[in-house]
């Protein structure tokens, strides 16, 4: 069959279903405390958009990810450096398209703020 244009209503409906699936994936990954799954789910959520930073599932996932990571200073510094490279306002800017922006940027900031 030919792909027909989605109506705005259908599009919205699809986005809602999509977010529901991503939310379920986030919850499952968080519950399983599977770092890779959490990372993938967060990246997917970020790509899909429509998730707010104060979304409780996002916060829980980020928190679990941080705990699982318990980033060493070295890794943390590298992440911050990577973020700066993808931040146009930064002197280290090397071009965007870095996954660690958005939610991951926020996540890194949280890691640093809560760092030992």
PDB file of N, CA and C in Angstrom:
ATOM      1  N   UNK A   1       0.829  -1.207   0.000  1.00  0.00           N
ATOM      2  CA  UNK A   1       0.000   0.000   0.000  1.00  0.00           C
ATOM      3  C   UNK A   1       0.854   1.243   0.000  1.00  0.00           C
ATOM      4  N   UNK A   2       0.300   2.353  -0.449  1.00  0.00           N
ATOM      5  CA  UNK A   2       1.061   3.608  -0.477  1.00  0.00           C
ATOM      6  C   UNK A   2       0.960   4.279   0.888  1.00  0.00           C
ATOM      7  N   UNK A   3       2.043   4.938   1.284  1.00  0.00           N
ATOM      8  CA  UNK A   3       2.038   5.641   2.564  1.00  0.00           C
ATOM      9  C   UNK A   3       1.241   6.920   2.406  1.00  0.00           C
ATOM     10  N   UNK A   4       0.167   7.010   3.139  1.00  0.00           N
ATOM     11  CA  UNK A   4      -0.629   8.236   3.048  1.00  0.00           C
ATOM     12  C   UNK A   4      -0.185   9.212   4.133  1.00  0.00           C
ATOM     13  N   UNK A   5      -0.367  10.486   3.841  1.00  0.00           N
ATOM     14  CA  UNK A   5      -0.012  11.518   4.806  1.00  0.00           C
ATOM     15  C   UNK A   5      -0.834  11.331   6.078  1.00  0.00           C
ATOM     16  N   UNK A   6      -0.177  11.434   7.207  1.00  0.00           N
ATOM     17  CA  UNK A   6      -0.910  11.375   8.468  1.00  0.00           C
ATOM     18  C   UNK A   6      -1.590  12.711   8.724  1.00  0.00           C
ATOM     19  N   UNK A   7      -2.811  12.652   9.232  1.00  0.00           N
ATOM     20  CA  UNK A   7      -3.465  13.879   9.655  1.00  0.00           C
ATOM     21  C   UNK A   7      -2.783  14.344  10.942  1.00  0.00           C
ATOM     22  N   UNK A   8      -2.917  15.622  11.281  1.00  0.00           N
ATOM     23  CA  UNK A   8      -2.332  16.107  12.543  1.00  0.00           C
ATOM     24  C   UNK A   8      -2.794  15.283  13.735  1.00  0.00           C
ATOM     25  N   UNK A   9      -4.057  14.852  13.699  1.00  0.00           N
ATOM     26  CA  UNK A   9      -4.591  14.049  14.807  1.00  0.00           C
ATOM     27  C   UNK A   9      -3.854  12.714  14.900  1.00  0.00           C
ATOM     28  N   UNK A  10      -3.670  12.081  13.743  1.00  0.00           N
ATOM     29  CA  UNK A  10      -2.979  10.787  13.705  1.00  0.00           C
ATOM     30  C   UNK A  10      -1.530  10.943  14.160  1.00  0.00           C
ATOM     31  N   UNK A  11      -0.934  12.041  13.728  1.00  0.00           N
ATOM     32  CA  UNK A  11       0.448  12.319  14.114  1.00  0.00           C
ATOM     33  C   UNK A  11       0.565  12.448  15.629  1.00  0.00           C
ATOM     34  N   UNK A  12      -0.337  13.238  16.201  1.00  0.00           N
ATOM     35  CA  UNK A  12      -0.348  13.435  17.651  1.00  0.00           C
ATOM     36  C   UNK A  12      -0.544  12.101  18.362  1.00  0.00           C
ATOM     37  N   UNK A  13      -1.498  11.328  17.855  1.00  0.00           N
ATOM     38  CA  UNK A  13      -1.796  10.022  18.437  1.00  0.00           C
ATOM     39  C   UNK A  13      -0.554   9.136  18.399  1.00  0.00           C
ATOM     40  N   UNK A  14       0.148   9.160  17.280  1.00  0.00           N
ATOM     41  CA  UNK A  14       1.348   8.350  17.112  1.00  0.00           C
ATOM     42  C   UNK A  14       2.445   8.795  18.080  1.00  0.00           C
ATOM     43  N   UNK A  15       2.577  10.101  18.244  1.00  0.00           N
ATOM     44  CA  UNK A  15       3.581  10.643  19.160  1.00  0.00           C
ATOM     45  C   UNK A  15       3.282  10.241  20.601  1.00  0.00           C
ATOM     46  N   UNK A  16       1.994  10.283  20.950  1.00  0.00           N
ATOM     47  CA  UNK A  16       1.586   9.895  22.308  1.00  0.00           C
ATOM     48  C   UNK A  16       1.917   8.417  22.541  1.00  0.00           C
ATOM     49  N   UNK A  17       1.595   7.580  21.564  1.00  0.00           N
ATOM     50  CA  UNK A  17       1.883   6.145  21.683  1.00  0.00           C
ATOM     51  C   UNK A  17       3.380   5.909  21.771  1.00  0.00           C
ATOM     52  N   UNK A  18       4.109   6.648  20.966  1.00  0.00           N
ATOM     53  CA  UNK A  18       5.566   6.562  20.952  1.00  0.00           C
ATOM     54  C   UNK A  18       6.142   6.888  22.324  1.00  0.00           C
ATOM     55  N   UNK A  19       5.659   8.000  22.884  1.00  0.00           N
ATOM     56  CA  UNK A  19       6.143   8.432  24.206  1.00  0.00           C
ATOM     57  C   UNK A  19       5.810   7.394  25.260  1.00  0.00           C
ATOM     58  N   UNK A  20       4.625   6.771  25.100  1.00  0.00           N
ATOM     59  CA  UNK A  20       4.210   5.747  26.055  1.00  0.00           C
ATOM     60  C   UNK A  20       5.190   4.571  26.005  1.00  0.00           C
ATOM     61  N   UNK A  21       5.556   4.170  24.796  1.00  0.00           N
ATOM     62  CA  UNK A  21       6.502   3.064  24.610  1.00  0.00           C
ATOM     63  C   UNK A  21       7.858   3.421  25.208  1.00  0.00           C
ATOM     64  N   UNK A  22       8.306   4.641  24.941  1.00  0.00           N
ATOM     65  CA  UNK A  22       9.611   5.071  25.453  1.00  0.00           C
ATOM     66  C   UNK A  22       9.590   5.113  26.979  1.00  0.00           C
ATOM     67  N   UNK A  23       8.478   5.613  27.529  1.00  0.00           N
ATOM     68  CA  UNK A  23       8.327   5.680  28.984  1.00  0.00           C
ATOM     69  C   UNK A  23       8.397   4.281  29.591  1.00  0.00           C
ATOM     70  N   UNK A  24       7.734   3.330  28.942  1.00  0.00           N
ATOM     71  CA  UNK A  24       7.764   1.951  29.431  1.00  0.00           C
ATOM     72  C   UNK A  24       9.184   1.400  29.377  1.00  0.00           C
ATOM     73  N   UNK A  25       9.894   1.715  28.296  1.00  0.00           N
ATOM     74  CA  UNK A  25      11.279   1.262  28.141  1.00  0.00           C
ATOM     75  C   UNK A  25      12.159   1.879  29.223  1.00  0.00           C
ATOM     76  N   UNK A  26      11.940   3.171  29.491  1.00  0.00           N
ATOM     77  CA  UNK A  26      12.696   3.867  30.535  1.00  0.00           C
ATOM     78  C   UNK A  26      12.468   3.206  31.888  1.00  0.00           C
ATOM     79  N   UNK A  27      11.199   2.948  32.187  1.00  0.00           N
ATOM     80  CA  UNK A  27      10.867   2.350  33.484  1.00  0.00           C
ATOM     81  C   UNK A  27      11.475   0.964  33.619  1.00  0.00           C
ATOM     82  N   UNK A  28      11.371   0.175  32.555  1.00  0.00           N
ATOM     83  CA  UNK A  28      11.904  -1.189  32.580  1.00  0.00           C
ATOM     84  C   UNK A  28      13.424  -1.164  32.767  1.00  0.00           C
ATOM     85  N   UNK A  29      14.090  -0.293  32.021  1.00  0.00           N
ATOM     86  CA  UNK A  29      15.547  -0.203  32.096  1.00  0.00           C
ATOM     87  C   UNK A  29      15.989   0.273  33.477  1.00  0.00           C
ATOM     88  N   UNK A  30      15.237   1.242  34.021  1.00  0.00           N
ATOM     89  CA  UNK A  30      15.558   1.792  35.335  1.00  0.00           C
ATOM     90  C   UNK A  30      15.389   0.710  36.397  1.00  0.00           C
ATOM     91  N   UNK A  31      14.298  -0.049  36.271  1.00  0.00           N
ATOM     92  CA  UNK A  31      14.007  -1.107  37.229  1.00  0.00           C
ATOM     93  C   UNK A  31      15.083  -2.201  37.159  1.00  0.00           C
ATOM     94  N   UNK A  32      15.488  -2.515  35.928  1.00  0.00           N
ATOM     95  CA  UNK A  32      16.499  -3.555  35.729  1.00  0.00           C
ATOM     96  C   UNK A  32      17.898  -3.028  36.052  1.00  0.00           C
ATOM     97  N   UNK A  33      17.992  -1.699  36.208  1.00  0.00           N
ATOM     98  CA  UNK A  33      19.276  -1.036  36.440  1.00  0.00           C
ATOM     99  C   UNK A  33      20.300  -1.474  35.404  1.00  0.00           C
ATOM    100  N   UNK A  34      19.850  -1.423  34.162  1.00  0.00           N
ATOM    101  CA  UNK A  34      20.706  -1.772  33.034  1.00  0.00           C
ATOM    102  C   UNK A  34      21.189  -0.479  32.379  1.00  0.00           C
ATOM    103  N   UNK A  35      22.461  -0.200  32.572  1.00  0.00           N
ATOM    104  CA  UNK A  35      23.033   1.082  32.149  1.00  0.00           C
ATOM    105  C   UNK A  35      22.860   1.323  30.648  1.00  0.00           C
ATOM    106  N   UNK A  36      23.163   0.301  29.854  1.00  0.00           N
ATOM    107  CA  UNK A  36      23.062   0.472  28.395  1.00  0.00           C
ATOM    108  C   UNK A  36      21.626   0.747  27.986  1.00  0.00           C
ATOM    109  N   UNK A  37      20.695  -0.019  28.561  1.00  0.00           N
ATOM    110  CA  UNK A  37      19.276   0.159  28.222  1.00  0.00           C
ATOM    111  C   UNK A  37      18.802   1.554  28.616  1.00  0.00           C
ATOM    112  N   UNK A  38      19.242   1.998  29.787  1.00  0.00           N
ATOM    113  CA  UNK A  38      18.835   3.335  30.245  1.00  0.00           C
ATOM    114  C   UNK A  38      19.355   4.378  29.259  1.00  0.00           C
ATOM    115  N   UNK A  39      20.601   4.221  28.860  1.00  0.00           N
ATOM    116  CA  UNK A  39      21.221   5.188  27.953  1.00  0.00           C
ATOM    117  C   UNK A  39      20.470   5.234  26.630  1.00  0.00           C
ATOM    118  N   UNK A  40      20.137   4.052  26.112  1.00  0.00           N
ATOM    119  CA  UNK A  40      19.404   3.972  24.840  1.00  0.00           C
ATOM    120  C   UNK A  40      18.020   4.596  24.986  1.00  0.00           C
ATOM    121  N   UNK A  41      17.347   4.277  26.086  1.00  0.00           N
ATOM    122  CA  UNK A  41      15.992   4.803  26.305  1.00  0.00           C
ATOM    123  C   UNK A  41      16.017   6.326  26.431  1.00  0.00           C
ATOM    124  N   UNK A  42      17.029   6.848  27.143  1.00  0.00           N
ATOM    125  CA  UNK A  42      17.140   8.304  27.297  1.00  0.00           C
ATOM    126  C   UNK A  42      17.444   8.966  25.953  1.00  0.00           C
ATOM    127  N   UNK A  43      18.320   8.348  25.192  1.00  0.00           N
ATOM    128  CA  UNK A  43      18.662   8.896  23.873  1.00  0.00           C
ATOM    129  C   UNK A  43      17.440   8.891  22.970  1.00  0.00           C
ATOM    130  N   UNK A  44      16.662   7.815  23.054  1.00  0.00           N
ATOM    131  CA  UNK A  44      15.440   7.704  22.249  1.00  0.00           C
ATOM    132  C   UNK A  44      14.433   8.760  22.665  1.00  0.00           C
ATOM    133  N   UNK A  45      14.309   8.952  23.973  1.00  0.00           N
ATOM    134  CA  UNK A  45      13.385   9.966  24.490  1.00  0.00           C
ATOM    135  C   UNK A  45      13.799  11.343  24.003  1.00  0.00           C
ATOM    136  N   UNK A  46      15.109  11.587  24.026  1.00  0.00           N
ATOM    137  CA  UNK A  46      15.615  12.885  23.599  1.00  0.00           C
ATOM    138  C   UNK A  46      15.316  13.112  22.124  1.00  0.00           C
ATOM    139  N   UNK A  47      15.536  12.087  21.319  1.00  0.00           N
ATOM    140  CA  UNK A  47      15.279  12.177  19.881  1.00  0.00           C
ATOM    141  C   UNK A  47      13.807  12.397  19.608  1.00  0.00           C
ATOM    142  N   UNK A  48      12.975  11.653  20.345  1.00  0.00           N
ATOM    143  CA  UNK A  48      11.525  11.727  20.117  1.00  0.00           C
ATOM    144  C   UNK A  48      10.983  13.088  20.520  1.00  0.00           C
ATOM    145  N   UNK A  49      11.602  13.684  21.529  1.00  0.00           N
ATOM    146  CA  UNK A  49      11.130  14.974  22.009  1.00  0.00           C
ATOM    147  C   UNK A  49       9.827  14.830  22.777  1.00  0.00           C
ATOM    148  N   UNK A  50       9.351  15.928  23.316  1.00  0.00           N
ATOM    149  CA  UNK A  50       8.085  15.914  24.033  1.00  0.00           C
ATOM    150  C   UNK A  50       8.223  15.472  25.475  1.00  0.00           C
ATOM    151  N   UNK A  51       9.444  15.157  25.890  1.00  0.00           N
ATOM    152  CA  UNK A  51       9.659  14.805  27.294  1.00  0.00           C
ATOM    153  C   UNK A  51      10.196  16.036  28.005  1.00  0.00           C
ATOM    154  N   UNK A  52       9.629  16.347  29.149  1.00  0.00           N
ATOM    155  CA  UNK A  52      10.109  17.519  29.861  1.00  0.00           C
ATOM    156  C   UNK A  52      11.198  17.095  30.829  1.00  0.00           C
ATOM    157  N   UNK A  53      12.037  18.032  31.193  1.00  0.00           N
ATOM    158  CA  UNK A  53      13.158  17.728  32.079  1.00  0.00           C
ATOM    159  C   UNK A  53      12.691  17.330  33.463  1.00  0.00           C
ATOM    160  N   UNK A  54      11.471  17.704  33.825  1.00  0.00           N
ATOM    161  CA  UNK A  54      10.993  17.306  35.149  1.00  0.00           C
ATOM    162  C   UNK A  54      10.071  16.091  35.066  1.00  0.00           C
ATOM    163  N   UNK A  55      10.109  15.394  33.932  1.00  0.00           N
ATOM    164  CA  UNK A  55       9.395  14.129  33.795  1.00  0.00           C
ATOM    165  C   UNK A  55       9.998  13.132  34.789  1.00  0.00           C
ATOM    166  N   UNK A  56       9.138  12.574  35.643  1.00  0.00           N
ATOM    167  CA  UNK A  56       9.624  11.726  36.741  1.00  0.00           C
ATOM    168  C   UNK A  56      10.348  10.475  36.235  1.00  0.00           C
ATOM    169  N   UNK A  57       9.891   9.924  35.114  1.00  0.00           N
ATOM    170  CA  UNK A  57      10.547   8.733  34.570  1.00  0.00           C
ATOM    171  C   UNK A  57      11.943   9.067  34.062  1.00  0.00           C
ATOM    172  N   UNK A  58      12.056  10.247  33.437  1.00  0.00           N
ATOM    173  CA  UNK A  58      13.367  10.706  32.961  1.00  0.00           C
ATOM    174  C   UNK A  58      14.297  10.910  34.161  1.00  0.00           C
ATOM    175  N   UNK A  59      13.782  11.601  35.176  1.00  0.00           N
ATOM    176  CA  UNK A  59      14.596  11.885  36.364  1.00  0.00           C
ATOM    177  C   UNK A  59      15.069  10.587  37.015  1.00  0.00           C
ATOM    178  N   UNK A  60      14.146   9.634  37.170  1.00  0.00           N
ATOM    179  CA  UNK A  60      14.492   8.351  37.787  1.00  0.00           C
ATOM    180  C   UNK A  60      15.544   7.621  36.969  1.00  0.00           C
ATOM    181  N   UNK A  61      15.391   7.653  35.643  1.00  0.00           N
ATOM    182  CA  UNK A  61      16.333   6.976  34.761  1.00  0.00           C
ATOM    183  C   UNK A  61      17.713   7.626  34.851  1.00  0.00           C
ATOM    184  N   UNK A  62      17.711   8.962  34.830  1.00  0.00           N
ATOM    185  CA  UNK A  62      18.975   9.704  34.914  1.00  0.00           C
ATOM    186  C   UNK A  62      19.673   9.400  36.240  1.00  0.00           C
ATOM    187  N   UNK A  63      18.880   9.365  37.297  1.00  0.00           N
ATOM    188  CA  UNK A  63      19.424   9.099  38.623  1.00  0.00           C
ATOM    189  C   UNK A  63      20.043   7.707  38.680  1.00  0.00           C
ATOM    190  N   UNK A  64      19.312   6.729  38.160  1.00  0.00           N
ATOM    191  CA  UNK A  64      19.807   5.348  38.144  1.00  0.00           C
ATOM    192  C   UNK A  64      21.082   5.271  37.311  1.00  0.00           C
ATOM    193  N   UNK A  65      21.052   5.959  36.174  1.00  0.00           N
ATOM    194  CA  UNK A  65      22.224   5.948  35.293  1.00  0.00           C
ATOM    195  C   UNK A  65      23.442   6.518  36.029  1.00  0.00           C
ATOM    196  N   UNK A  66      23.207   7.616  36.717  1.00  0.00           N
ATOM    197  CA  UNK A  66      24.299   8.250  37.469  1.00  0.00           C
ATOM    198  C   UNK A  66      24.848   7.325  38.540  1.00  0.00           C
ATOM    199  N   UNK A  67      23.941   6.666  39.255  1.00  0.00           N
ATOM    200  CA  UNK A  67      24.365   5.757  40.324  1.00  0.00           C
ATOM    201  C   UNK A  67      25.149   4.589  39.740  1.00  0.00           C
ATOM    202  N   UNK A  68      24.656   4.070  38.620  1.00  0.00           N
ATOM    203  CA  UNK A  68      25.333   2.939  37.985  1.00  0.00           C
ATOM    204  C   UNK A  68      26.699   3.366  37.476  1.00  0.00           C
ATOM    205  N   UNK A  69      26.758   4.592  37.041  1.00  0.00           N
ATOM    206  CA  UNK A  69      28.003   5.093  36.475  1.00  0.00           C
ATOM    207  C   UNK A  69      29.032   5.422  37.537  1.00  0.00           C
ATOM    208  N   UNK A  70      28.539   6.033  38.628  1.00  0.00           N
ATOM    209  CA  UNK A  70      29.440   6.545  39.654  1.00  0.00           C
ATOM    210  C   UNK A  70      30.739   6.961  38.991  1.00  0.00           C
ATOM    211  N   UNK A  71      30.608   7.922  38.142  1.00  0.00           N
ATOM    212  CA  UNK A  71      31.696   8.308  37.258  1.00  0.00           C
ATOM    213  C   UNK A  71      32.969   8.656  38.010  1.00  0.00           C
ATOM    214  N   UNK A  72      34.044   8.106  37.529  1.00  0.00           N
ATOM    215  CA  UNK A  72      35.343   8.525  38.040  1.00  0.00           C
ATOM    216  C   UNK A  72      35.565   9.956  37.558  1.00  0.00           C
ATOM    217  N   UNK A  73      36.415  10.681  38.257  1.00  0.00           N
ATOM    218  CA  UNK A  73      36.698  12.069  37.870  1.00  0.00           C
ATOM    219  C   UNK A  73      37.171  12.130  36.425  1.00  0.00           C
ATOM    220  N   UNK A  74      37.952  11.151  36.048  1.00  0.00           N
ATOM    221  CA  UNK A  74      38.510  11.120  34.697  1.00  0.00           C
ATOM    222  C   UNK A  74      37.398  11.070  33.659  1.00  0.00           C
ATOM    223  N   UNK A  75      36.475  10.133  33.859  1.00  0.00           N
ATOM    224  CA  UNK A  75      35.368   9.977  32.922  1.00  0.00           C
ATOM    225  C   UNK A  75      34.496  11.225  32.939  1.00  0.00           C
ATOM    226  N   UNK A  76      34.255  11.737  34.134  1.00  0.00           N
ATOM    227  CA  UNK A  76      33.418  12.921  34.282  1.00  0.00           C
ATOM    228  C   UNK A  76      34.040  14.103  33.536  1.00  0.00           C
ATOM    229  N   UNK A  77      35.328  14.284  33.716  1.00  0.00           N
ATOM    230  CA  UNK A  77      36.016  15.390  33.039  1.00  0.00           C
ATOM    231  C   UNK A  77      35.958  15.227  31.532  1.00  0.00           C
ATOM    232  N   UNK A  78      36.076  13.992  31.078  1.00  0.00           N
ATOM    233  CA  UNK A  78      36.027  13.728  29.642  1.00  0.00           C
ATOM    234  C   UNK A  78      34.639  14.078  29.101  1.00  0.00           C
ATOM    235  N   UNK A  79      33.605  13.696  29.857  1.00  0.00           N
ATOM    236  CA  UNK A  79      32.241  14.004  29.436  1.00  0.00           C
ATOM    237  C   UNK A  79      32.031  15.509  29.337  1.00  0.00           C
ATOM    238  N   UNK A  80      32.519  16.212  30.335  1.00  0.00           N
ATOM    239  CA  UNK A  80      32.374  17.669  30.332  1.00  0.00           C
ATOM    240  C   UNK A  80      33.108  18.253  29.139  1.00  0.00           C
ATOM    241  N   UNK A  81      34.304  17.742  28.882  1.00  0.00           N
ATOM    242  CA  UNK A  81      35.078  18.206  27.731  1.00  0.00           C
ATOM    243  C   UNK A  81      34.311  17.932  26.435  1.00  0.00           C
ATOM    244  N   UNK A  82      33.731  16.734  26.346  1.00  0.00           N
ATOM    245  CA  UNK A  82      32.950  16.378  25.156  1.00  0.00           C
ATOM    246  C   UNK A  82      31.764  17.312  24.995  1.00  0.00           C
ATOM    247  N   UNK A  83      31.118  17.634  26.110  1.00  0.00           N
ATOM    248  CA  UNK A  83      29.976  18.543  26.057  1.00  0.00           C
ATOM    249  C   UNK A  83      30.398  19.908  25.546  1.00  0.00           C
ATOM    250  N   UNK A  84      31.522  20.377  26.051  1.00  0.00           N
ATOM    251  CA  UNK A  84      32.007  21.700  25.624  1.00  0.00           C
ATOM    252  C   UNK A  84      32.290  21.706  24.132  1.00  0.00           C
ATOM    253  N   UNK A  85      32.830  20.596  23.640  1.00  0.00           N
ATOM    254  CA  UNK A  85      33.143  20.505  22.215  1.00  0.00           C
ATOM    255  C   UNK A  85      31.891  20.619  21.368  1.00  0.00           C
ATOM    256  N   UNK A  86      30.756  20.203  21.931  1.00  0.00           N
ATOM    257  CA  UNK A  86      29.530  20.239  21.137  1.00  0.00           C
ATOM    258  C   UNK A  86      28.638  21.409  21.532  1.00  0.00           C
ATOM    259  N   UNK A  87      29.165  22.301  22.324  1.00  0.00           N
ATOM    260  CA  UNK A  87      28.415  23.493  22.734  1.00  0.00           C
ATOM    261  C   UNK A  87      28.894  24.687  21.923  1.00  0.00           C
ATOM    262  N   UNK A  88      28.028  25.218  21.042  1.00  0.00           N
ATOM    263  CA  UNK A  88      28.433  26.322  20.157  1.00  0.00           C
ATOM    264  C   UNK A  88      28.927  27.549  20.926  1.00  0.00           C
ATOM    265  N   UNK A  89      28.501  27.687  22.190  1.00  0.00           N
ATOM    266  CA  UNK A  89      28.903  28.858  22.956  1.00  0.00           C
ATOM    267  C   UNK A  89      30.305  28.663  23.547  1.00  0.00           C
ATOM    268  N   UNK A  90      30.837  27.450  23.406  1.00  0.00           N
ATOM    269  CA  UNK A  90      32.100  27.136  24.051  1.00  0.00           C
ATOM    270  C   UNK A  90      33.278  27.331  23.112  1.00  0.00           C
ATOM    271  N   UNK A  91      34.408  27.656  23.702  1.00  0.00           N
ATOM    272  CA  UNK A  91      35.638  27.858  22.937  1.00  0.00           C
ATOM    273  C   UNK A  91      36.097  26.544  22.300  1.00  0.00           C
ATOM    274  N   UNK A  92      35.685  25.432  22.894  1.00  0.00           N
ATOM    275  CA  UNK A  92      36.133  24.122  22.399  1.00  0.00           C
ATOM    276  C   UNK A  92      35.218  23.550  21.319  1.00  0.00           C
ATOM    277  N   UNK A  93      34.258  24.364  20.878  1.00  0.00           N
ATOM    278  CA  UNK A  93      33.232  23.854  19.963  1.00  0.00           C
ATOM    279  C   UNK A  93      33.831  23.170  18.730  1.00  0.00           C
ATOM    280  N   UNK A  94      33.360  21.954  18.464  1.00  0.00           N
ATOM    281  CA  UNK A  94      33.832  21.221  17.279  1.00  0.00           C
ATOM    282  C   UNK A  94      32.689  20.758  16.386  1.00  0.00           C
ATOM    283  N   UNK A  95      31.532  21.358  16.535  1.00  0.00           N
ATOM    284  CA  UNK A  95      30.400  20.918  15.722  1.00  0.00           C
ATOM    285  C   UNK A  95      29.445  20.106  16.563  1.00  0.00           C
ATOM    286  N   UNK A  96      28.172  20.205  16.262  1.00  0.00           N
ATOM    287  CA  UNK A  96      27.143  19.603  17.109  1.00  0.00           C
ATOM    288  C   UNK A  96      26.902  18.144  16.825  1.00  0.00           C
ATOM    289  N   UNK A  97      25.672  17.734  16.972  1.00  0.00           N
ATOM    290  CA  UNK A  97      25.287  16.363  16.716  1.00  0.00           C
ATOM    291  C   UNK A  97      25.784  15.414  17.781  1.00  0.00           C
ATOM    292  N   UNK A  98      26.092  15.938  18.946  1.00  0.00           N
ATOM    293  CA  UNK A  98      26.582  15.081  20.008  1.00  0.00           C
ATOM    294  C   UNK A  98      25.423  14.645  20.893  1.00  0.00           C
ATOM    295  N   UNK A  99      25.298  13.342  21.097  1.00  0.00           N
ATOM    296  CA  UNK A  99      24.201  12.801  21.899  1.00  0.00           C
ATOM    297  C   UNK A  99      24.213  13.311  23.330  1.00  0.00           C
ATOM    298  N   UNK A 100      25.398  13.725  23.800  1.00  0.00           N
ATOM    299  CA  UNK A 100      25.481  14.119  25.204  1.00  0.00           C
ATOM    300  C   UNK A 100      24.924  15.516  25.448  1.00  0.00           C
ATOM    301  N   UNK A 101      24.260  16.063  24.441  1.00  0.00           N
ATOM    302  CA  UNK A 101      23.568  17.342  24.649  1.00  0.00           C
ATOM    303  C   UNK A 101      22.204  17.060  25.253  1.00  0.00           C
ATOM    304  N   UNK A 102      21.464  18.093  25.518  1.00  0.00           N
ATOM    305  CA  UNK A 102      20.091  17.907  25.985  1.00  0.00           C
ATOM    306  C   UNK A 102      20.066  17.136  27.285  1.00  0.00           C
ATOM    307  N   UNK A 103      19.376  16.010  27.263  1.00  0.00           N
ATOM    308  CA  UNK A 103      19.223  15.214  28.472  1.00  0.00           C
ATOM    309  C   UNK A 103      20.575  14.783  29.007  1.00  0.00           C
ATOM    310  N   UNK A 104      21.466  14.357  28.115  1.00  0.00           N
ATOM    311  CA  UNK A 104      22.758  13.896  28.583  1.00  0.00           C
ATOM    312  C   UNK A 104      23.579  15.049  29.148  1.00  0.00           C
ATOM    313  N   UNK A 105      23.418  16.221  28.563  1.00  0.00           N
ATOM    314  CA  UNK A 105      24.076  17.392  29.107  1.00  0.00           C
ATOM    315  C   UNK A 105      23.584  17.651  30.517  1.00  0.00           C
ATOM    316  N   UNK A 106      22.272  17.610  30.661  1.00  0.00           N
ATOM    317  CA  UNK A 106      21.646  17.801  31.967  1.00  0.00           C
ATOM    318  C   UNK A 106      22.137  16.739  32.946  1.00  0.00           C
ATOM    319  N   UNK A 107      22.222  15.500  32.434  1.00  0.00           N
ATOM    320  CA  UNK A 107      22.638  14.374  33.247  1.00  0.00           C
ATOM    321  C   UNK A 107      24.050  14.600  33.781  1.00  0.00           C
ATOM    322  N   UNK A 108      24.937  15.029  32.890  1.00  0.00           N
ATOM    323  CA  UNK A 108      26.330  15.256  33.281  1.00  0.00           C
ATOM    324  C   UNK A 108      26.405  16.337  34.342  1.00  0.00           C
ATOM    325  N   UNK A 109      25.616  17.381  34.141  1.00  0.00           N
ATOM    326  CA  UNK A 109      25.589  18.460  35.137  1.00  0.00           C
ATOM    327  C   UNK A 109      25.145  17.925  36.497  1.00  0.00           C
ATOM    328  N   UNK A 110      24.127  17.061  36.472  1.00  0.00           N
ATOM    329  CA  UNK A 110      23.651  16.457  37.716  1.00  0.00           C
ATOM    330  C   UNK A 110      24.736  15.601  38.351  1.00  0.00           C
ATOM    331  N   UNK A 111      25.436  14.857  37.518  1.00  0.00           N
ATOM    332  CA  UNK A 111      26.522  13.991  38.014  1.00  0.00           C
ATOM    333  C   UNK A 111      27.574  14.844  38.701  1.00  0.00           C
ATOM    334  N   UNK A 112      27.926  15.943  38.042  1.00  0.00           N
ATOM    335  CA  UNK A 112      28.959  16.808  38.607  1.00  0.00           C
ATOM    336  C   UNK A 112      28.478  17.447  39.907  1.00  0.00           C
ATOM    337  N   UNK A 113      27.241  17.920  39.876  1.00  0.00           N
ATOM    338  CA  UNK A 113      26.679  18.586  41.046  1.00  0.00           C
ATOM    339  C   UNK A 113      26.621  17.616  42.223  1.00  0.00           C
ATOM    340  N   UNK A 114      26.287  16.361  41.940  1.00  0.00           N
ATOM    341  CA  UNK A 114      26.158  15.385  43.016  1.00  0.00           C
ATOM    342  C   UNK A 114      27.430  14.599  43.229  1.00  0.00           C
ATOM    343  N   UNK A 115      28.497  15.018  42.545  1.00  0.00           N
ATOM    344  CA  UNK A 115      29.754  14.264  42.555  1.00  0.00           C
ATOM    345  C   UNK A 115      30.394  14.228  43.922  1.00  0.00           C
ATOM    346  N   UNK A 116      31.183  13.199  44.116  1.00  0.00           N
ATOM    347  CA  UNK A 116      31.865  13.047  45.407  1.00  0.00           C
ATOM    348  C   UNK A 116      33.020  14.037  45.499  1.00  0.00           C
TER     349      UNK A 116
END
